PDB file of N, CA and C in Angstrom:
ATOM      1  N   MET A   1      26.397   5.159  -7.528  1.00  0.00           N
ATOM      2  CA  MET A   1      25.031   4.607  -7.940  1.00  0.00           C
ATOM      3  C   MET A   1      24.896   4.507  -6.277  1.00  0.00           C
ATOM      4  N   GLY A   2      23.447   5.071  -6.293  1.00  0.00           N
ATOM      5  CA  GLY A   2      22.688   5.368  -4.712  1.00  0.00           C
ATOM      6  C   GLY A   2      22.294   4.138  -3.994  1.00  0.00           C
ATOM      7  N   THR A   3      22.041   4.009  -2.658  1.00  0.00           N
ATOM      8  CA  THR A   3      21.064   2.494  -2.474  1.00  0.00           C
ATOM      9  C   THR A   3      20.379   2.487  -2.092  1.00  0.00           C
ATOM     10  N   GLN A   4      19.636   2.353  -1.326  1.00  0.00           N
ATOM     11  CA  GLN A   4      17.939   2.144  -1.357  1.00  0.00           C
ATOM     12  C   GLN A   4      18.215   2.950  -0.109  1.00  0.00           C
ATOM     13  N   THR A   5      18.775   3.032   0.698  1.00  0.00           N
ATOM     14  CA  THR A   5      18.544   3.967   2.062  1.00  0.00           C
ATOM     15  C   THR A   5      18.511   5.378   1.492  1.00  0.00           C
ATOM     16  N   ASP A   6      19.195   5.868   0.726  1.00  0.00           N
ATOM     17  CA  ASP A   6      19.670   7.585   0.378  1.00  0.00           C
ATOM     18  C   ASP A   6      18.518   7.658  -0.984  1.00  0.00           C
ATOM     19  N   ARG A   7      18.151   7.354  -1.405  1.00  0.00           N
ATOM     20  CA  ARG A   7      16.783   7.500  -2.491  1.00  0.00           C
ATOM     21  C   ARG A   7      15.547   8.044  -1.584  1.00  0.00           C
ATOM     22  N   CYS A   8      14.803   9.284  -2.591  1.00  0.00           N
ATOM     23  CA  CYS A   8      13.417   9.573  -1.997  1.00  0.00           C
ATOM     24  C   CYS A   8      12.975   8.468  -2.170  1.00  0.00           C
ATOM     25  N   ARG A   9      11.347   8.284  -1.141  1.00  0.00           N
ATOM     26  CA  ARG A   9      10.444   6.905  -0.965  1.00  0.00           C
ATOM     27  C   ARG A   9       9.090   8.126  -0.936  1.00  0.00           C
ATOM     28  N   LEU A  10       7.999   7.015  -1.532  1.00  0.00           N
ATOM     29  CA  LEU A  10       6.601   7.729  -1.796  1.00  0.00           C
ATOM     30  C   LEU A  10       6.039   7.337  -0.480  1.00  0.00           C
ATOM     31  N   VAL A  11       5.114   8.209  -0.276  1.00  0.00           N
ATOM     32  CA  VAL A  11       3.801   7.829   0.385  1.00  0.00           C
ATOM     33  C   VAL A  11       2.706   7.698  -0.297  1.00  0.00           C
ATOM     34  N   LEU A  12       1.772   6.464  -0.322  1.00  0.00           N
ATOM     35  CA  LEU A  12       0.909   6.371  -1.104  1.00  0.00           C
ATOM     36  C   LEU A  12      -0.756   6.132  -0.871  1.00  0.00           C
ATOM     37  N   ASN A  13      -1.605   6.944  -1.468  1.00  0.00           N
ATOM     38  CA  ASN A  13      -3.248   6.835  -0.523  1.00  0.00           C
ATOM     39  C   ASN A  13      -3.980   6.041  -1.437  1.00  0.00           C
ATOM     40  N   ALA A  14      -4.381   5.231  -0.985  1.00  0.00           N
ATOM     41  CA  ALA A  14      -5.017   3.716  -1.589  1.00  0.00           C
ATOM     42  C   ALA A  14      -6.178   3.655  -1.023  1.00  0.00           C
ATOM     43  N   HIS A  15      -7.792   3.303  -1.927  1.00  0.00           N
ATOM     44  CA  HIS A  15      -8.724   2.788  -1.214  1.00  0.00           C
ATOM     45  C   HIS A  15      -9.125   1.771  -2.548  1.00  0.00           C
ATOM     46  N   PRO A  16     -10.125   1.025  -2.147  1.00  0.00           N
ATOM     47  CA  PRO A  16     -10.727  -0.375  -2.684  1.00  0.00           C
ATOM     48  C   PRO A  16     -10.512  -0.073  -4.456  1.00  0.00           C
ATOM     49  N   GLY A  17     -11.532   1.254  -4.072  1.00  0.00           N
ATOM     50  CA  GLY A  17     -12.020   1.449  -5.549  1.00  0.00           C
ATOM     51  C   GLY A  17     -10.814   1.987  -6.603  1.00  0.00           C
ATOM     52  N   VAL A  18      -9.751   1.966  -6.632  1.00  0.00           N
ATOM     53  CA  VAL A  18      -8.626   2.855  -7.222  1.00  0.00           C
ATOM     54  C   VAL A  18      -7.274   1.779  -7.005  1.00  0.00           C
ATOM     55  N   ALA A  19      -7.089   0.914  -6.334  1.00  0.00           N
ATOM     56  CA  ALA A  19      -5.949   0.029  -5.880  1.00  0.00           C
ATOM     57  C   ALA A  19      -6.416  -1.440  -5.396  1.00  0.00           C
ATOM     58  N   GLY A  20      -6.616  -2.068  -6.355  1.00  0.00           N
ATOM     59  CA  GLY A  20      -6.638  -3.630  -6.012  1.00  0.00           C
ATOM     60  C   GLY A  20      -5.226  -4.108  -5.029  1.00  0.00           C
ATOM     61  N   ILE A  21      -5.628  -4.871  -5.178  1.00  0.00           N
ATOM     62  CA  ILE A  21      -3.957  -6.249  -4.617  1.00  0.00           C
ATOM     63  C   ILE A  21      -3.464  -6.347  -5.042  1.00  0.00           C
ATOM     64  N   ASP A  22      -3.375  -6.652  -7.092  1.00  0.00           N
ATOM     65  CA  ASP A  22      -2.287  -6.284  -8.278  1.00  0.00           C
ATOM     66  C   ASP A  22      -1.331  -5.290  -8.324  1.00  0.00           C
ATOM     67  N   GLU A  23      -1.925  -4.050  -8.245  1.00  0.00           N
ATOM     68  CA  GLU A  23      -1.643  -2.548  -8.404  1.00  0.00           C
ATOM     69  C   GLU A  23      -0.777  -2.318  -7.485  1.00  0.00           C
ATOM     70  N   LEU A  24      -1.020  -2.414  -6.087  1.00  0.00           N
ATOM     71  CA  LEU A  24       0.098  -2.068  -5.007  1.00  0.00           C
ATOM     72  C   LEU A  24       0.778  -3.049  -4.601  1.00  0.00           C
ATOM     73  N   GLN A  25       1.382  -4.194  -5.418  1.00  0.00           N
ATOM     74  CA  GLN A  25       1.867  -5.330  -5.188  1.00  0.00           C
ATOM     75  C   GLN A  25       3.100  -4.503  -6.144  1.00  0.00           C
ATOM     76  N   ALA A  26       2.925  -4.047  -7.507  1.00  0.00           N
ATOM     77  CA  ALA A  26       3.068  -3.904  -8.657  1.00  0.00           C
ATOM     78  C   ALA A  26       4.101  -2.229  -8.409  1.00  0.00           C
ATOM     79  N   ALA A  27       3.260  -1.563  -7.063  1.00  0.00           N
ATOM     80  CA  ALA A  27       3.992  -0.672  -6.490  1.00  0.00           C
ATOM     81  C   ALA A  27       4.906  -0.167  -5.417  1.00  0.00           C
ATOM     82  N   VAL A  28       4.488  -1.110  -4.800  1.00  0.00           N
ATOM     83  CA  VAL A  28       5.395  -1.814  -3.587  1.00  0.00           C
ATOM     84  C   VAL A  28       6.745  -2.519  -4.057  1.00  0.00           C
ATOM     85  N   ASP A  29       6.774  -3.357  -5.480  1.00  0.00           N
ATOM     86  CA  ASP A  29       7.702  -4.132  -5.636  1.00  0.00           C
ATOM     87  C   ASP A  29       9.495  -3.390  -6.019  1.00  0.00           C
ATOM     88  N   ASP A  30       9.492  -2.088  -6.049  1.00  0.00           N
ATOM     89  CA  ASP A  30      10.586  -1.833  -6.792  1.00  0.00           C
ATOM     90  C   ASP A  30      11.035  -0.926  -5.629  1.00  0.00           C
ATOM     91  N   GLY A  31      10.339  -0.738  -4.172  1.00  0.00           N
ATOM     92  CA  GLY A  31      10.886  -0.635  -3.122  1.00  0.00           C
ATOM     93  C   GLY A  31      10.906   0.838  -2.749  1.00  0.00           C
ATOM     94  N   TYR A  32       9.944   1.776  -3.407  1.00  0.00           N
ATOM     95  CA  TYR A  32      10.072   3.184  -3.860  1.00  0.00           C
ATOM     96  C   TYR A  32       8.822   3.801  -2.419  1.00  0.00           C
ATOM     97  N   VAL A  33       8.256   2.732  -2.204  1.00  0.00           N
ATOM     98  CA  VAL A  33       7.456   3.411  -1.213  1.00  0.00           C
ATOM     99  C   VAL A  33       7.537   2.971   0.947  1.00  0.00           C
ATOM    100  N   SER A  34       7.589   3.685   0.818  1.00  0.00           N
ATOM    101  CA  SER A  34       7.653   4.250   2.375  1.00  0.00           C
ATOM    102  C   SER A  34       6.543   3.632   3.172  1.00  0.00           C
ATOM    103  N   SER A  35       5.027   4.170   2.870  1.00  0.00           N
ATOM    104  CA  SER A  35       4.165   3.848   3.936  1.00  0.00           C
ATOM    105  C   SER A  35       3.307   4.242   2.846  1.00  0.00           C
ATOM    106  N   CYS A  36       2.040   3.823   3.373  1.00  0.00           N
ATOM    107  CA  CYS A  36       0.384   3.624   2.648  1.00  0.00           C
ATOM    108  C   CYS A  36      -0.686   3.915   3.436  1.00  0.00           C
ATOM    109  N   ILE A  37      -1.051   4.703   3.123  1.00  0.00           N
ATOM    110  CA  ILE A  37      -2.672   5.340   3.804  1.00  0.00           C
ATOM    111  C   ILE A  37      -3.680   4.698   3.420  1.00  0.00           C
ATOM    112  N   LEU A  38      -4.387   3.945   3.476  1.00  0.00           N
ATOM    113  CA  LEU A  38      -5.867   3.553   3.119  1.00  0.00           C
ATOM    114  C   LEU A  38      -6.924   4.206   3.809  1.00  0.00           C
ATOM    115  N   TYR A  39      -8.009   4.212   3.107  1.00  0.00           N
ATOM    116  CA  TYR A  39      -8.970   5.053   3.630  1.00  0.00           C
ATOM    117  C   TYR A  39     -10.084   4.198   2.550  1.00  0.00           C
ATOM    118  N   PRO A  40     -11.362   4.398   3.126  1.00  0.00           N
ATOM    119  CA  PRO A  40     -12.366   3.168   2.545  1.00  0.00           C
ATOM    120  C   PRO A  40     -12.866   3.841   1.333  1.00  0.00           C
ATOM    121  N   GLY A  41     -13.107   4.903   0.885  1.00  0.00           N
ATOM    122  CA  GLY A  41     -13.521   5.338  -0.280  1.00  0.00           C
ATOM    123  C   GLY A  41     -15.285   5.484  -0.579  1.00  0.00           C
ATOM    124  N   ALA A  42     -15.531   4.998  -0.941  1.00  0.00           N
ATOM    125  CA  ALA A  42     -17.029   4.677  -0.993  1.00  0.00           C
ATOM    126  C   ALA A  42     -17.584   3.076  -0.681  1.00  0.00           C
ATOM    127  N   VAL A  43     -17.071   2.408  -0.355  1.00  0.00           N
ATOM    128  CA  VAL A  43     -17.008   1.064  -0.242  1.00  0.00           C
ATOM    129  C   VAL A  43     -17.573   1.080   1.736  1.00  0.00           C
ATOM    130  N   THR A  44     -18.669  -0.072   1.730  1.00  0.00           N
ATOM    131  CA  THR A  44     -19.177  -0.427   3.228  1.00  0.00           C
ATOM    132  C   THR A  44     -17.473  -0.846   4.323  1.00  0.00           C
ATOM    133  N   GLU A  45     -17.863  -0.571   5.214  1.00  0.00           N
ATOM    134  CA  GLU A  45     -17.004  -1.007   6.932  1.00  0.00           C
ATOM    135  C   GLU A  45     -16.565  -2.344   6.095  1.00  0.00           C
ATOM    136  N   ALA A  46     -17.396  -3.484   6.134  1.00  0.00           N
ATOM    137  CA  ALA A  46     -17.498  -4.852   5.637  1.00  0.00           C
ATOM    138  C   ALA A  46     -16.405  -4.766   4.194  1.00  0.00           C
ATOM    139  N   GLU A  47     -16.683  -4.192   3.730  1.00  0.00           N
ATOM    140  CA  GLU A  47     -16.002  -4.465   2.192  1.00  0.00           C
ATOM    141  C   GLU A  47     -14.504  -4.039   2.646  1.00  0.00           C
ATOM    142  N   PHE A  48     -14.205  -2.755   3.016  1.00  0.00           N
ATOM    143  CA  PHE A  48     -12.717  -2.229   3.969  1.00  0.00           C
ATOM    144  C   PHE A  48     -11.898  -2.771   4.658  1.00  0.00           C
ATOM    145  N   ASP A  49     -13.146  -3.784   5.615  1.00  0.00           N
ATOM    146  CA  ASP A  49     -12.578  -4.815   6.116  1.00  0.00           C
ATOM    147  C   ASP A  49     -11.767  -5.817   5.785  1.00  0.00           C
ATOM    148  N   ASP A  50     -12.329  -6.400   4.477  1.00  0.00           N
ATOM    149  CA  ASP A  50     -11.878  -7.025   3.509  1.00  0.00           C
ATOM    150  C   ASP A  50     -10.617  -6.972   2.880  1.00  0.00           C
ATOM    151  N   TYR A  51     -10.774  -5.923   2.181  1.00  0.00           N
ATOM    152  CA  TYR A  51      -9.319  -5.199   1.727  1.00  0.00           C
ATOM    153  C   TYR A  51      -8.594  -5.439   2.723  1.00  0.00           C
ATOM    154  N   CYS A  52      -8.155  -4.176   3.652  1.00  0.00           N
ATOM    155  CA  CYS A  52      -7.383  -4.331   4.719  1.00  0.00           C
ATOM    156  C   CYS A  52      -6.942  -5.681   5.080  1.00  0.00           C
ATOM    157  N   GLN A  53      -7.667  -6.906   5.615  1.00  0.00           N
ATOM    158  CA  GLN A  53      -6.903  -8.066   5.848  1.00  0.00           C
ATOM    159  C   GLN A  53      -5.965  -8.776   5.037  1.00  0.00           C
ATOM    160  N   HIS A  54      -6.399  -8.171   3.079  1.00  0.00           N
ATOM    161  CA  HIS A  54      -5.442  -8.515   1.805  1.00  0.00           C
ATOM    162  C   HIS A  54      -4.479  -7.662   1.877  1.00  0.00           C
ATOM    163  N   VAL A  55      -4.251  -6.641   1.884  1.00  0.00           N
ATOM    164  CA  VAL A  55      -3.696  -5.715   1.797  1.00  0.00           C
ATOM    165  C   VAL A  55      -2.727  -5.548   2.709  1.00  0.00           C
ATOM    166  N   VAL A  56      -3.169  -5.255   4.167  1.00  0.00           N
ATOM    167  CA  VAL A  56      -2.134  -5.095   4.939  1.00  0.00           C
ATOM    168  C   VAL A  56      -0.939  -5.910   5.228  1.00  0.00           C
ATOM    169  N   PRO A  57      -1.021  -7.038   4.930  1.00  0.00           N
ATOM    170  CA  PRO A  57      -0.313  -8.036   5.045  1.00  0.00           C
ATOM    171  C   PRO A  57       0.985  -8.243   3.818  1.00  0.00           C
ATOM    172  N   LEU A  58       0.431  -7.819   2.558  1.00  0.00           N
ATOM    173  CA  LEU A  58       1.167  -7.409   1.491  1.00  0.00           C
ATOM    174  C   LEU A  58       2.257  -6.351   1.602  1.00  0.00           C
ATOM    175  N   LEU A  59       1.519  -5.253   2.307  1.00  0.00           N
ATOM    176  CA  LEU A  59       2.496  -3.941   2.784  1.00  0.00           C
ATOM    177  C   LEU A  59       3.478  -4.714   3.338  1.00  0.00           C
ATOM    178  N   GLN A  60       2.947  -4.659   4.282  1.00  0.00           N
ATOM    179  CA  GLN A  60       3.832  -4.978   5.141  1.00  0.00           C
ATOM    180  C   GLN A  60       5.554  -6.151   5.540  1.00  0.00           C
ATOM    181  N   GLU A  61       5.008  -7.050   4.326  1.00  0.00           N
ATOM    182  CA  GLU A  61       5.979  -8.097   3.842  1.00  0.00           C
ATOM    183  C   GLU A  61       7.235  -7.292   2.910  1.00  0.00           C
ATOM    184  N   GLN A  62       6.551  -6.248   2.474  1.00  0.00           N
ATOM    185  CA  GLN A  62       7.616  -4.744   1.489  1.00  0.00           C
ATOM    186  C   GLN A  62       7.916  -4.003   2.432  1.00  0.00           C
ATOM    187  N   ASP A  63       8.078  -4.095   3.874  1.00  0.00           N
ATOM    188  CA  ASP A  63       8.545  -2.930   4.988  1.00  0.00           C
ATOM    189  C   ASP A  63       7.954  -1.641   4.634  1.00  0.00           C
ATOM    190  N   VAL A  64       6.851  -1.659   4.297  1.00  0.00           N
ATOM    191  CA  VAL A  64       5.873  -0.780   3.846  1.00  0.00           C
ATOM    192  C   VAL A  64       4.946  -0.259   5.230  1.00  0.00           C
ATOM    193  N   ALA A  65       5.280   0.667   5.890  1.00  0.00           N
ATOM    194  CA  ALA A  65       4.060   1.109   6.938  1.00  0.00           C
ATOM    195  C   ALA A  65       2.856   1.302   6.621  1.00  0.00           C
ATOM    196  N   VAL A  66       2.047   0.780   7.390  1.00  0.00           N
ATOM    197  CA  VAL A  66       0.736   0.906   6.856  1.00  0.00           C
ATOM    198  C   VAL A  66      -0.436   1.837   7.923  1.00  0.00           C
ATOM    199  N   LEU A  67      -1.275   3.253   7.615  1.00  0.00           N
ATOM    200  CA  LEU A  67      -2.208   3.860   8.154  1.00  0.00           C
ATOM    201  C   LEU A  67      -3.426   3.987   7.483  1.00  0.00           C
TER     202      LEU A  67
END
């Protein structure tokens, strides 16, 4: 059986309109995500900043790189 270091890992693309905190948490819980690219989509800069303030720590706690 493989270990976590020898399996394929995913890169997520996410923005506030499609991936809320609960969805991102569920996506990274199994350890299959290596990084996540965040972009604002159709929200304002202030809304995107708020989103990032909540999402970035959540992802980094799971050892997911955030761009």
